[in-house]
Amino acid sequence: MSDETPKFDPFAPWKQFQGPMMEAWSKAMSEAVASDDFARSMGETLNSYLETSAPLQKQFESAMEKYLQGMQLPTRAEFLAFSERLTGLEMRLDDMEAKIDKILSLLEK
């Protein structure tokens, strides 16, 4: 008994698509994406998404802040405030170090 039933190849359409067809499709897509109309369309889509999601994002941030406060964990705003204070301290230390170096150089003369 011979096994002459054709085997199904799910990748056959993809294999046929490769080569010249793939190059032509790639070129057409590159030209479409590089067009001003595409950029304008994507910009409008992004603006629409951001406008639509802004209220939901604010609600999520508020809920997260309340949750973190309830768990006695620092919020994003508290982290940012701490970071700014730490940066200020680092700058002051750098200034003090520069002044000390200047004083030492004057004393050595």
PDB file of N, CA and C in Angstrom:
ATOM      1  N   MET A   1       0.844  -1.178   0.000  1.00  0.00           N
ATOM      2  CA  MET A   1       0.000   0.000   0.000  1.00  0.00           C
ATOM      3  C   MET A   1       0.885   1.235   0.000  1.00  0.00           C
ATOM      4  N   SER A   2       0.702   2.126  -0.955  1.00  0.00           N
ATOM      5  CA  SER A   2       1.528   3.328  -1.031  1.00  0.00           C
ATOM      6  C   SER A   2       0.776   4.512  -0.428  1.00  0.00           C
ATOM      7  N   ASP A   3       1.553   5.398   0.132  1.00  0.00           N
ATOM      8  CA  ASP A   3       0.972   6.584   0.768  1.00  0.00           C
ATOM      9  C   ASP A   3       1.112   7.753  -0.194  1.00  0.00           C
ATOM     10  N   GLU A   4       0.121   7.887  -1.088  1.00  0.00           N
ATOM     11  CA  GLU A   4       0.185   8.931  -2.100  1.00  0.00           C
ATOM     12  C   GLU A   4      -0.780  10.062  -1.829  1.00  0.00           C
ATOM     13  N   THR A   5      -1.323  10.139  -0.640  1.00  0.00           N
ATOM     14  CA  THR A   5      -2.217  11.251  -0.322  1.00  0.00           C
ATOM     15  C   THR A   5      -1.382  12.510  -0.155  1.00  0.00           C
ATOM     16  N   PRO A   6      -1.832  13.596  -0.766  1.00  0.00           N
ATOM     17  CA  PRO A   6      -1.054  14.842  -0.655  1.00  0.00           C
ATOM     18  C   PRO A   6      -1.059  15.325   0.798  1.00  0.00           C
ATOM     19  N   LYS A   7       0.089  15.801   1.234  1.00  0.00           N
ATOM     20  CA  LYS A   7       0.206  16.317   2.594  1.00  0.00           C
ATOM     21  C   LYS A   7      -0.123  17.800   2.588  1.00  0.00           C
ATOM     22  N   PHE A   8      -0.838  18.199   3.587  1.00  0.00           N
ATOM     23  CA  PHE A   8      -1.211  19.604   3.725  1.00  0.00           C
ATOM     24  C   PHE A   8      -0.018  20.402   4.252  1.00  0.00           C
ATOM     25  N   ASP A   9       0.321  21.460   3.558  1.00  0.00           N
ATOM     26  CA  ASP A   9       1.418  22.338   3.983  1.00  0.00           C
ATOM     27  C   ASP A   9       0.825  23.709   4.307  1.00  0.00           C
ATOM     28  N   PRO A  10       0.695  24.043   5.601  1.00  0.00           N
ATOM     29  CA  PRO A  10       0.084  25.326   5.958  1.00  0.00           C
ATOM     30  C   PRO A  10       0.940  26.527   5.559  1.00  0.00           C
ATOM     31  N   PHE A  11       2.208  26.300   5.265  1.00  0.00           N
ATOM     32  CA  PHE A  11       3.095  27.397   4.902  1.00  0.00           C
ATOM     33  C   PHE A  11       3.231  27.589   3.395  1.00  0.00           C
ATOM     34  N   ALA A  12       2.515  26.803   2.614  1.00  0.00           N
ATOM     35  CA  ALA A  12       2.614  26.898   1.156  1.00  0.00           C
ATOM     36  C   ALA A  12       2.277  28.298   0.646  1.00  0.00           C
ATOM     37  N   PRO A  13       1.194  28.941   1.110  1.00  0.00           N
ATOM     38  CA  PRO A  13       0.925  30.300   0.626  1.00  0.00           C
ATOM     39  C   PRO A  13       2.055  31.267   0.987  1.00  0.00           C
ATOM     40  N   TRP A  14       2.619  31.110   2.141  1.00  0.00           N
ATOM     41  CA  TRP A  14       3.710  31.995   2.571  1.00  0.00           C
ATOM     42  C   TRP A  14       4.937  31.790   1.686  1.00  0.00           C
ATOM     43  N   LYS A  15       5.228  30.542   1.342  1.00  0.00           N
ATOM     44  CA  LYS A  15       6.378  30.251   0.492  1.00  0.00           C
ATOM     45  C   LYS A  15       6.195  30.881  -0.891  1.00  0.00           C
ATOM     46  N   GLN A  16       4.967  30.873  -1.384  1.00  0.00           N
ATOM     47  CA  GLN A  16       4.699  31.475  -2.686  1.00  0.00           C
ATOM     48  C   GLN A  16       4.800  32.996  -2.619  1.00  0.00           C
ATOM     49  N   PHE A  17       4.545  33.548  -1.444  1.00  0.00           N
ATOM     50  CA  PHE A  17       4.538  35.001  -1.267  1.00  0.00           C
ATOM     51  C   PHE A  17       5.958  35.554  -1.227  1.00  0.00           C
ATOM     52  N   GLN A  18       6.909  34.740  -0.860  1.00  0.00           N
ATOM     53  CA  GLN A  18       8.291  35.197  -0.770  1.00  0.00           C
ATOM     54  C   GLN A  18       8.846  35.483  -2.148  1.00  0.00           C
ATOM     55  N   GLY A  19       9.959  36.191  -2.195  1.00  0.00           N
ATOM     56  CA  GLY A  19      10.603  36.491  -3.468  1.00  0.00           C
ATOM     57  C   GLY A  19      10.124  37.808  -4.017  1.00  0.00           C
ATOM     58  N   PRO A  20       9.853  37.872  -5.320  1.00  0.00           N
ATOM     59  CA  PRO A  20       9.474  39.136  -5.959  1.00  0.00           C
ATOM     60  C   PRO A  20       8.207  39.750  -5.364  1.00  0.00           C
ATOM     61  N   MET A  21       7.242  38.898  -5.015  1.00  0.00           N
ATOM     62  CA  MET A  21       6.012  39.444  -4.432  1.00  0.00           C
ATOM     63  C   MET A  21       6.304  40.117  -3.095  1.00  0.00           C
ATOM     64  N   MET A  22       7.163  39.499  -2.298  1.00  0.00           N
ATOM     65  CA  MET A  22       7.509  40.057  -0.990  1.00  0.00           C
ATOM     66  C   MET A  22       8.242  41.378  -1.160  1.00  0.00           C
ATOM     67  N   GLU A  23       9.146  41.454  -2.112  1.00  0.00           N
ATOM     68  CA  GLU A  23       9.883  42.693  -2.364  1.00  0.00           C
ATOM     69  C   GLU A  23       8.950  43.808  -2.808  1.00  0.00           C
ATOM     70  N   ALA A  24       8.009  43.487  -3.693  1.00  0.00           N
ATOM     71  CA  ALA A  24       7.057  44.488  -4.168  1.00  0.00           C
ATOM     72  C   ALA A  24       6.164  44.967  -3.017  1.00  0.00           C
ATOM     73  N   TRP A  25       5.711  44.029  -2.204  1.00  0.00           N
ATOM     74  CA  TRP A  25       4.862  44.393  -1.064  1.00  0.00           C
ATOM     75  C   TRP A  25       5.643  45.246  -0.072  1.00  0.00           C
ATOM     76  N   SER A  26       6.885  44.876   0.184  1.00  0.00           N
ATOM     77  CA  SER A  26       7.729  45.619   1.110  1.00  0.00           C
ATOM     78  C   SER A  26       7.965  47.038   0.607  1.00  0.00           C
ATOM     79  N   LYS A  27       8.227  47.184  -0.683  1.00  0.00           N
ATOM     80  CA  LYS A  27       8.448  48.508  -1.268  1.00  0.00           C
ATOM     81  C   LYS A  27       7.182  49.353  -1.171  1.00  0.00           C
ATOM     82  N   ALA A  28       6.041  48.769  -1.474  1.00  0.00           N
ATOM     83  CA  ALA A  28       4.772  49.500  -1.408  1.00  0.00           C
ATOM     84  C   ALA A  28       4.486  49.951   0.025  1.00  0.00           C
ATOM     85  N   MET A  29       4.737  49.073   0.992  1.00  0.00           N
ATOM     86  CA  MET A  29       4.496  49.440   2.395  1.00  0.00           C
ATOM     87  C   MET A  29       5.458  50.538   2.841  1.00  0.00           C
ATOM     88  N   SER A  30       6.717  50.460   2.433  1.00  0.00           N
ATOM     89  CA  SER A  30       7.703  51.487   2.789  1.00  0.00           C
ATOM     90  C   SER A  30       7.285  52.838   2.243  1.00  0.00           C
ATOM     91  N   GLU A  31       6.821  52.868   1.013  1.00  0.00           N
ATOM     92  CA  GLU A  31       6.372  54.126   0.412  1.00  0.00           C
ATOM     93  C   GLU A  31       5.130  54.656   1.119  1.00  0.00           C
ATOM     94  N   ALA A  32       4.222  53.766   1.470  1.00  0.00           N
ATOM     95  CA  ALA A  32       2.992  54.193   2.146  1.00  0.00           C
ATOM     96  C   ALA A  32       3.303  54.762   3.522  1.00  0.00           C
ATOM     97  N   VAL A  33       4.189  54.116   4.261  1.00  0.00           N
ATOM     98  CA  VAL A  33       4.521  54.559   5.616  1.00  0.00           C
ATOM     99  C   VAL A  33       5.289  55.881   5.583  1.00  0.00           C
ATOM    100  N   ALA A  34       6.061  56.112   4.528  1.00  0.00           N
ATOM    101  CA  ALA A  34       6.855  57.335   4.423  1.00  0.00           C
ATOM    102  C   ALA A  34       6.041  58.530   3.931  1.00  0.00           C
ATOM    103  N   SER A  35       4.792  58.334   3.580  1.00  0.00           N
ATOM    104  CA  SER A  35       4.003  59.428   3.011  1.00  0.00           C
ATOM    105  C   SER A  35       3.490  60.377   4.090  1.00  0.00           C
ATOM    106  N   ASP A  36       3.234  61.609   3.675  1.00  0.00           N
ATOM    107  CA  ASP A  36       2.688  62.611   4.594  1.00  0.00           C
ATOM    108  C   ASP A  36       1.284  62.234   5.048  1.00  0.00           C
ATOM    109  N   ASP A  37       0.505  61.637   4.164  1.00  0.00           N
ATOM    110  CA  ASP A  37      -0.857  61.234   4.521  1.00  0.00           C
ATOM    111  C   ASP A  37      -0.839  60.197   5.643  1.00  0.00           C
ATOM    112  N   PHE A  38       0.077  59.250   5.554  1.00  0.00           N
ATOM    113  CA  PHE A  38       0.185  58.228   6.594  1.00  0.00           C
ATOM    114  C   PHE A  38       0.582  58.866   7.921  1.00  0.00           C
ATOM    115  N   ALA A  39       1.566  59.763   7.892  1.00  0.00           N
ATOM    116  CA  ALA A  39       2.015  60.433   9.119  1.00  0.00           C
ATOM    117  C   ALA A  39       0.874  61.241   9.729  1.00  0.00           C
ATOM    118  N   ARG A  40       0.127  61.943   8.894  1.00  0.00           N
ATOM    119  CA  ARG A  40      -1.002  62.736   9.382  1.00  0.00           C
ATOM    120  C   ARG A  40      -2.062  61.827   9.996  1.00  0.00           C
ATOM    121  N   SER A  41      -2.351  60.732   9.319  1.00  0.00           N
ATOM    122  CA  SER A  41      -3.349  59.783   9.812  1.00  0.00           C
ATOM    123  C   SER A  41      -2.921  59.180  11.150  1.00  0.00           C
ATOM    124  N   MET A  42      -1.664  58.779  11.259  1.00  0.00           N
ATOM    125  CA  MET A  42      -1.167  58.216  12.510  1.00  0.00           C
ATOM    126  C   MET A  42      -1.194  59.251  13.626  1.00  0.00           C
ATOM    127  N   GLY A  43      -0.859  60.496  13.294  1.00  0.00           N
ATOM    128  CA  GLY A  43      -0.912  61.573  14.283  1.00  0.00           C
ATOM    129  C   GLY A  43      -2.314  61.783  14.806  1.00  0.00           C
ATOM    130  N   GLU A  44      -3.290  61.795  13.893  1.00  0.00           N
ATOM    131  CA  GLU A  44      -4.684  61.967  14.302  1.00  0.00           C
ATOM    132  C   GLU A  44      -5.153  60.790  15.153  1.00  0.00           C
ATOM    133  N   THR A  45      -4.751  59.594  14.775  1.00  0.00           N
ATOM    134  CA  THR A  45      -5.126  58.403  15.546  1.00  0.00           C
ATOM    135  C   THR A  45      -4.531  58.463  16.944  1.00  0.00           C
ATOM    136  N   LEU A  46      -3.272  58.844  17.037  1.00  0.00           N
ATOM    137  CA  LEU A  46      -2.611  58.937  18.336  1.00  0.00           C
ATOM    138  C   LEU A  46      -3.258  60.014  19.198  1.00  0.00           C
ATOM    139  N   ASN A  47      -3.538  61.178  18.618  1.00  0.00           N
ATOM    140  CA  ASN A  47      -4.197  62.241  19.378  1.00  0.00           C
ATOM    141  C   ASN A  47      -5.560  61.796  19.882  1.00  0.00           C
ATOM    142  N   SER A  48      -6.307  61.127  19.031  1.00  0.00           N
ATOM    143  CA  SER A  48      -7.622  60.627  19.422  1.00  0.00           C
ATOM    144  C   SER A  48      -7.503  59.646  20.574  1.00  0.00           C
ATOM    145  N   TYR A  49      -6.546  58.737  20.479  1.00  0.00           N
ATOM    146  CA  TYR A  49      -6.338  57.757  21.546  1.00  0.00           C
ATOM    147  C   TYR A  49      -5.971  58.444  22.854  1.00  0.00           C
ATOM    148  N   LEU A  50      -5.051  59.402  22.793  1.00  0.00           N
ATOM    149  CA  LEU A  50      -4.610  60.083  24.012  1.00  0.00           C
ATOM    150  C   LEU A  50      -5.747  60.887  24.644  1.00  0.00           C
ATOM    151  N   GLU A  51      -6.551  61.543  23.813  1.00  0.00           N
ATOM    152  CA  GLU A  51      -7.686  62.308  24.340  1.00  0.00           C
ATOM    153  C   GLU A  51      -8.717  61.385  24.980  1.00  0.00           C
ATOM    154  N   THR A  52      -8.936  60.245  24.380  1.00  0.00           N
ATOM    155  CA  THR A  52      -9.920  59.296  24.889  1.00  0.00           C
ATOM    156  C   THR A  52      -9.445  58.635  26.174  1.00  0.00           C
ATOM    157  N   SER A  53      -8.160  58.322  26.241  1.00  0.00           N
ATOM    158  CA  SER A  53      -7.654  57.581  27.393  1.00  0.00           C
ATOM    159  C   SER A  53      -7.252  58.474  28.562  1.00  0.00           C
ATOM    160  N   ALA A  54      -7.168  59.786  28.381  1.00  0.00           N
ATOM    161  CA  ALA A  54      -6.713  60.683  29.448  1.00  0.00           C
ATOM    162  C   ALA A  54      -7.573  60.588  30.710  1.00  0.00           C
ATOM    163  N   PRO A  55      -8.917  60.639  30.612  1.00  0.00           N
ATOM    164  CA  PRO A  55      -9.711  60.536  31.850  1.00  0.00           C
ATOM    165  C   PRO A  55      -9.515  59.201  32.567  1.00  0.00           C
ATOM    166  N   LEU A  56      -9.418  58.135  31.820  1.00  0.00           N
ATOM    167  CA  LEU A  56      -9.201  56.823  32.421  1.00  0.00           C
ATOM    168  C   LEU A  56      -7.842  56.768  33.102  1.00  0.00           C
ATOM    169  N   GLN A  57      -6.833  57.362  32.462  1.00  0.00           N
ATOM    170  CA  GLN A  57      -5.491  57.392  33.047  1.00  0.00           C
ATOM    171  C   GLN A  57      -5.501  58.166  34.363  1.00  0.00           C
ATOM    172  N   LYS A  58      -6.219  59.275  34.415  1.00  0.00           N
ATOM    173  CA  LYS A  58      -6.300  60.062  35.652  1.00  0.00           C
ATOM    174  C   LYS A  58      -6.992  59.266  36.757  1.00  0.00           C
ATOM    175  N   GLN A  59      -8.040  58.560  36.410  1.00  0.00           N
ATOM    176  CA  GLN A  59      -8.730  57.737  37.403  1.00  0.00           C
ATOM    177  C   GLN A  59      -7.808  56.632  37.920  1.00  0.00           C
ATOM    178  N   PHE A  60      -7.072  56.017  37.027  1.00  0.00           N
ATOM    179  CA  PHE A  60      -6.151  54.959  37.424  1.00  0.00           C
ATOM    180  C   PHE A  60      -5.065  55.502  38.348  1.00  0.00           C
ATOM    181  N   GLU A  61      -4.492  56.661  38.001  1.00  0.00           N
ATOM    182  CA  GLU A  61      -3.449  57.263  38.835  1.00  0.00           C
ATOM    183  C   GLU A  61      -3.987  57.608  40.219  1.00  0.00           C
ATOM    184  N   SER A  62      -5.194  58.134  40.278  1.00  0.00           N
ATOM    185  CA  SER A  62      -5.802  58.478  41.559  1.00  0.00           C
ATOM    186  C   SER A  62      -6.031  57.230  42.404  1.00  0.00           C
ATOM    187  N   ALA A  63      -6.556  56.190  41.799  1.00  0.00           N
ATOM    188  CA  ALA A  63      -6.800  54.950  42.528  1.00  0.00           C
ATOM    189  C   ALA A  63      -5.487  54.336  43.010  1.00  0.00           C
ATOM    190  N   MET A  64      -4.460  54.381  42.168  1.00  0.00           N
ATOM    191  CA  MET A  64      -3.163  53.832  42.548  1.00  0.00           C
ATOM    192  C   MET A  64      -2.555  54.619  43.702  1.00  0.00           C
ATOM    193  N   GLU A  65      -2.690  55.927  43.661  1.00  0.00           N
ATOM    194  CA  GLU A  65      -2.159  56.760  44.740  1.00  0.00           C
ATOM    195  C   GLU A  65      -2.860  56.443  46.063  1.00  0.00           C
ATOM    196  N   LYS A  66      -4.167  56.295  46.023  1.00  0.00           N
ATOM    197  CA  LYS A  66      -4.910  55.949  47.242  1.00  0.00           C
ATOM    198  C   LYS A  66      -4.499  54.572  47.756  1.00  0.00           C
ATOM    199  N   TYR A  67      -4.307  53.636  46.845  1.00  0.00           N
ATOM    200  CA  TYR A  67      -3.892  52.288  47.232  1.00  0.00           C
ATOM    201  C   TYR A  67      -2.519  52.320  47.903  1.00  0.00           C
ATOM    202  N   LEU A  68      -1.570  53.020  47.270  1.00  0.00           N
ATOM    203  CA  LEU A  68      -0.222  53.088  47.824  1.00  0.00           C
ATOM    204  C   LEU A  68      -0.216  53.768  49.191  1.00  0.00           C
ATOM    205  N   GLN A  69      -1.005  54.820  49.336  1.00  0.00           N
ATOM    206  CA  GLN A  69      -1.091  55.489  50.638  1.00  0.00           C
ATOM    207  C   GLN A  69      -1.681  54.553  51.678  1.00  0.00           C
ATOM    208  N   GLY A  70      -2.684  53.790  51.296  1.00  0.00           N
ATOM    209  CA  GLY A  70      -3.286  52.830  52.209  1.00  0.00           C
ATOM    210  C   GLY A  70      -2.324  51.738  52.632  1.00  0.00           C
ATOM    211  N   MET A  71      -1.415  51.378  51.739  1.00  0.00           N
ATOM    212  CA  MET A  71      -0.416  50.351  52.042  1.00  0.00           C
ATOM    213  C   MET A  71       0.837  50.957  52.689  1.00  0.00           C
ATOM    214  N   GLN A  72       0.806  52.264  52.908  1.00  0.00           N
ATOM    215  CA  GLN A  72       1.923  53.014  53.478  1.00  0.00           C
ATOM    216  C   GLN A  72       3.188  52.863  52.638  1.00  0.00           C
ATOM    217  N   LEU A  73       2.999  52.970  51.327  1.00  0.00           N
ATOM    218  CA  LEU A  73       4.102  52.934  50.377  1.00  0.00           C
ATOM    219  C   LEU A  73       4.212  54.302  49.710  1.00  0.00           C
ATOM    220  N   PRO A  74       5.414  54.701  49.290  1.00  0.00           N
ATOM    221  CA  PRO A  74       5.562  56.011  48.657  1.00  0.00           C
ATOM    222  C   PRO A  74       4.899  56.050  47.271  1.00  0.00           C
ATOM    223  N   THR A  75       4.323  57.193  46.982  1.00  0.00           N
ATOM    224  CA  THR A  75       3.692  57.395  45.673  1.00  0.00           C
ATOM    225  C   THR A  75       4.723  57.921  44.688  1.00  0.00           C
ATOM    226  N   ARG A  76       4.333  58.027  43.449  1.00  0.00           N
ATOM    227  CA  ARG A  76       5.227  58.553  42.408  1.00  0.00           C
ATOM    228  C   ARG A  76       5.621  59.985  42.746  1.00  0.00           C
ATOM    229  N   ALA A  77       4.663  60.784  43.177  1.00  0.00           N
ATOM    230  CA  ALA A  77       4.949  62.179  43.524  1.00  0.00           C
ATOM    231  C   ALA A  77       5.957  62.253  44.671  1.00  0.00           C
ATOM    232  N   GLU A  78       5.824  61.364  45.633  1.00  0.00           N
ATOM    233  CA  GLU A  78       6.769  61.359  46.752  1.00  0.00           C
ATOM    234  C   GLU A  78       8.163  60.938  46.294  1.00  0.00           C
ATOM    235  N   PHE A  79       8.240  59.976  45.388  1.00  0.00           N
ATOM    236  CA  PHE A  79       9.532  59.581  44.831  1.00  0.00           C
ATOM    237  C   PHE A  79      10.179  60.747  44.084  1.00  0.00           C
ATOM    238  N   LEU A  80       9.374  61.461  43.289  1.00  0.00           N
ATOM    239  CA  LEU A  80       9.908  62.595  42.539  1.00  0.00           C
ATOM    240  C   LEU A  80      10.399  63.695  43.473  1.00  0.00           C
ATOM    241  N   ALA A  81       9.630  63.977  44.528  1.00  0.00           N
ATOM    242  CA  ALA A  81      10.046  64.997  45.495  1.00  0.00           C
ATOM    243  C   ALA A  81      11.348  64.588  46.175  1.00  0.00           C
ATOM    244  N   PHE A  82      11.450  63.332  46.560  1.00  0.00           N
ATOM    245  CA  PHE A  82      12.668  62.840  47.183  1.00  0.00           C
ATOM    246  C   PHE A  82      13.850  62.942  46.220  1.00  0.00           C
ATOM    247  N   SER A  83      13.629  62.589  44.974  1.00  0.00           N
ATOM    248  CA  SER A  83      14.675  62.648  43.958  1.00  0.00           C
ATOM    249  C   SER A  83      15.169  64.081  43.773  1.00  0.00           C
ATOM    250  N   GLU A  84      14.242  65.034  43.750  1.00  0.00           N
ATOM    251  CA  GLU A  84      14.635  66.442  43.603  1.00  0.00           C
ATOM    252  C   GLU A  84      15.452  66.904  44.805  1.00  0.00           C
ATOM    253  N   ARG A  85      15.042  66.498  45.989  1.00  0.00           N
ATOM    254  CA  ARG A  85      15.791  66.877  47.191  1.00  0.00           C
ATOM    255  C   ARG A  85      17.185  66.263  47.166  1.00  0.00           C
ATOM    256  N   LEU A  86      17.290  65.014  46.770  1.00  0.00           N
ATOM    257  CA  LEU A  86      18.576  64.335  46.704  1.00  0.00           C
ATOM    258  C   LEU A  86      19.483  64.998  45.671  1.00  0.00           C
ATOM    259  N   THR A  87      18.928  65.372  44.536  1.00  0.00           N
ATOM    260  CA  THR A  87      19.711  66.065  43.509  1.00  0.00           C
ATOM    261  C   THR A  87      20.219  67.394  44.041  1.00  0.00           C
ATOM    262  N   GLY A  88      19.364  68.115  44.772  1.00  0.00           N
ATOM    263  CA  GLY A  88      19.785  69.377  45.376  1.00  0.00           C
ATOM    264  C   GLY A  88      20.931  69.183  46.353  1.00  0.00           C
ATOM    265  N   LEU A  89      20.841  68.137  47.161  1.00  0.00           N
ATOM    266  CA  LEU A  89      21.918  67.852  48.103  1.00  0.00           C
ATOM    267  C   LEU A  89      23.221  67.520  47.385  1.00  0.00           C
ATOM    268  N   GLU A  90      23.131  66.740  46.327  1.00  0.00           N
ATOM    269  CA  GLU A  90      24.327  66.395  45.554  1.00  0.00           C
ATOM    270  C   GLU A  90      24.974  67.647  44.970  1.00  0.00           C
ATOM    271  N   MET A  91      24.160  68.555  44.469  1.00  0.00           N
ATOM    272  CA  MET A  91      24.694  69.796  43.904  1.00  0.00           C
ATOM    273  C   MET A  91      25.380  70.630  44.980  1.00  0.00           C
ATOM    274  N   ARG A  92      24.760  70.716  46.148  1.00  0.00           N
ATOM    275  CA  ARG A  92      25.374  71.476  47.242  1.00  0.00           C
ATOM    276  C   ARG A  92      26.689  70.843  47.676  1.00  0.00           C
ATOM    277  N   LEU A  93      26.745  69.513  47.742  1.00  0.00           N
ATOM    278  CA  LEU A  93      27.993  68.844  48.099  1.00  0.00           C
ATOM    279  C   LEU A  93      29.077  69.101  47.051  1.00  0.00           C
ATOM    280  N   ASP A  94      28.696  69.073  45.784  1.00  0.00           N
ATOM    281  CA  ASP A  94      29.664  69.366  44.721  1.00  0.00           C
ATOM    282  C   ASP A  94      30.207  70.787  44.868  1.00  0.00           C
ATOM    283  N   ASP A  95      29.317  71.745  45.160  1.00  0.00           N
ATOM    284  CA  ASP A  95      29.744  73.129  45.359  1.00  0.00           C
ATOM    285  C   ASP A  95      30.691  73.241  46.549  1.00  0.00           C
ATOM    286  N   MET A  96      30.359  72.565  47.649  1.00  0.00           N
ATOM    287  CA  MET A  96      31.212  72.596  48.836  1.00  0.00           C
ATOM    288  C   MET A  96      32.578  71.980  48.544  1.00  0.00           C
ATOM    289  N   GLU A  97      32.582  70.881  47.796  1.00  0.00           N
ATOM    290  CA  GLU A  97      33.842  70.228  47.443  1.00  0.00           C
ATOM    291  C   GLU A  97      34.712  71.154  46.603  1.00  0.00           C
ATOM    292  N   ALA A  98      34.101  71.866  45.670  1.00  0.00           N
ATOM    293  CA  ALA A  98      34.853  72.799  44.823  1.00  0.00           C
ATOM    294  C   ALA A  98      35.428  73.932  45.669  1.00  0.00           C
ATOM    295  N   LYS A  99      34.648  74.428  46.621  1.00  0.00           N
ATOM    296  CA  LYS A  99      35.134  75.500  47.494  1.00  0.00           C
ATOM    297  C   LYS A  99      36.279  75.006  48.380  1.00  0.00           C
ATOM    298  N   ILE A 100      36.163  73.812  48.910  1.00  0.00           N
ATOM    299  CA  ILE A 100      37.231  73.246  49.742  1.00  0.00           C
ATOM    300  C   ILE A 100      38.503  73.065  48.915  1.00  0.00           C
ATOM    301  N   ASP A 101      38.364  72.570  47.697  1.00  0.00           N
ATOM    302  CA  ASP A 101      39.530  72.408  46.824  1.00  0.00           C
ATOM    303  C   ASP A 101      40.195  73.753  46.549  1.00  0.00           C
ATOM    304  N   LYS A 102      39.368  74.779  46.351  1.00  0.00           N
ATOM    305  CA  LYS A 102      39.917  76.116  46.105  1.00  0.00           C
ATOM    306  C   LYS A 102      40.663  76.635  47.326  1.00  0.00           C
ATOM    307  N   ILE A 103      40.074  76.450  48.510  1.00  0.00           N
ATOM    308  CA  ILE A 103      40.725  76.890  49.755  1.00  0.00           C
ATOM    309  C   ILE A 103      42.048  76.158  49.959  1.00  0.00           C
ATOM    310  N   LEU A 104      42.045  74.843  49.728  1.00  0.00           N
ATOM    311  CA  LEU A 104      43.281  74.062  49.881  1.00  0.00           C
ATOM    312  C   LEU A 104      44.364  74.522  48.891  1.00  0.00           C
ATOM    313  N   SER A 105      43.973  74.825  47.683  1.00  0.00           N
ATOM    314  CA  SER A 105      44.965  75.278  46.694  1.00  0.00           C
ATOM    315  C   SER A 105      45.528  76.634  47.087  1.00  0.00           C
ATOM    316  N   LEU A 106      44.704  77.506  47.700  1.00  0.00           N
ATOM    317  CA  LEU A 106      45.194  78.807  48.152  1.00  0.00           C
ATOM    318  C   LEU A 106      46.123  78.650  49.356  1.00  0.00           C
ATOM    319  N   LEU A 107      45.833  77.712  50.234  1.00  0.00           N
ATOM    320  CA  LEU A 107      46.660  77.482  51.425  1.00  0.00           C
ATOM    321  C   LEU A 107      48.016  76.881  51.059  1.00  0.00           C
ATOM    322  N   GLU A 108      48.073  76.120  49.998  1.00  0.00           N
ATOM    323  CA  GLU A 108      49.325  75.481  49.592  1.00  0.00           C
ATOM    324  C   GLU A 108      50.313  76.475  48.989  1.00  0.00           C
ATOM    325  N   LYS A 109      49.860  77.621  48.575  1.00  0.00           N
ATOM    326  CA  LYS A 109      50.743  78.617  47.943  1.00  0.00           C
ATOM    327  C   LYS A 109      51.570  79.344  48.925  1.00  0.00           C
TER     328      LYS A 109
END
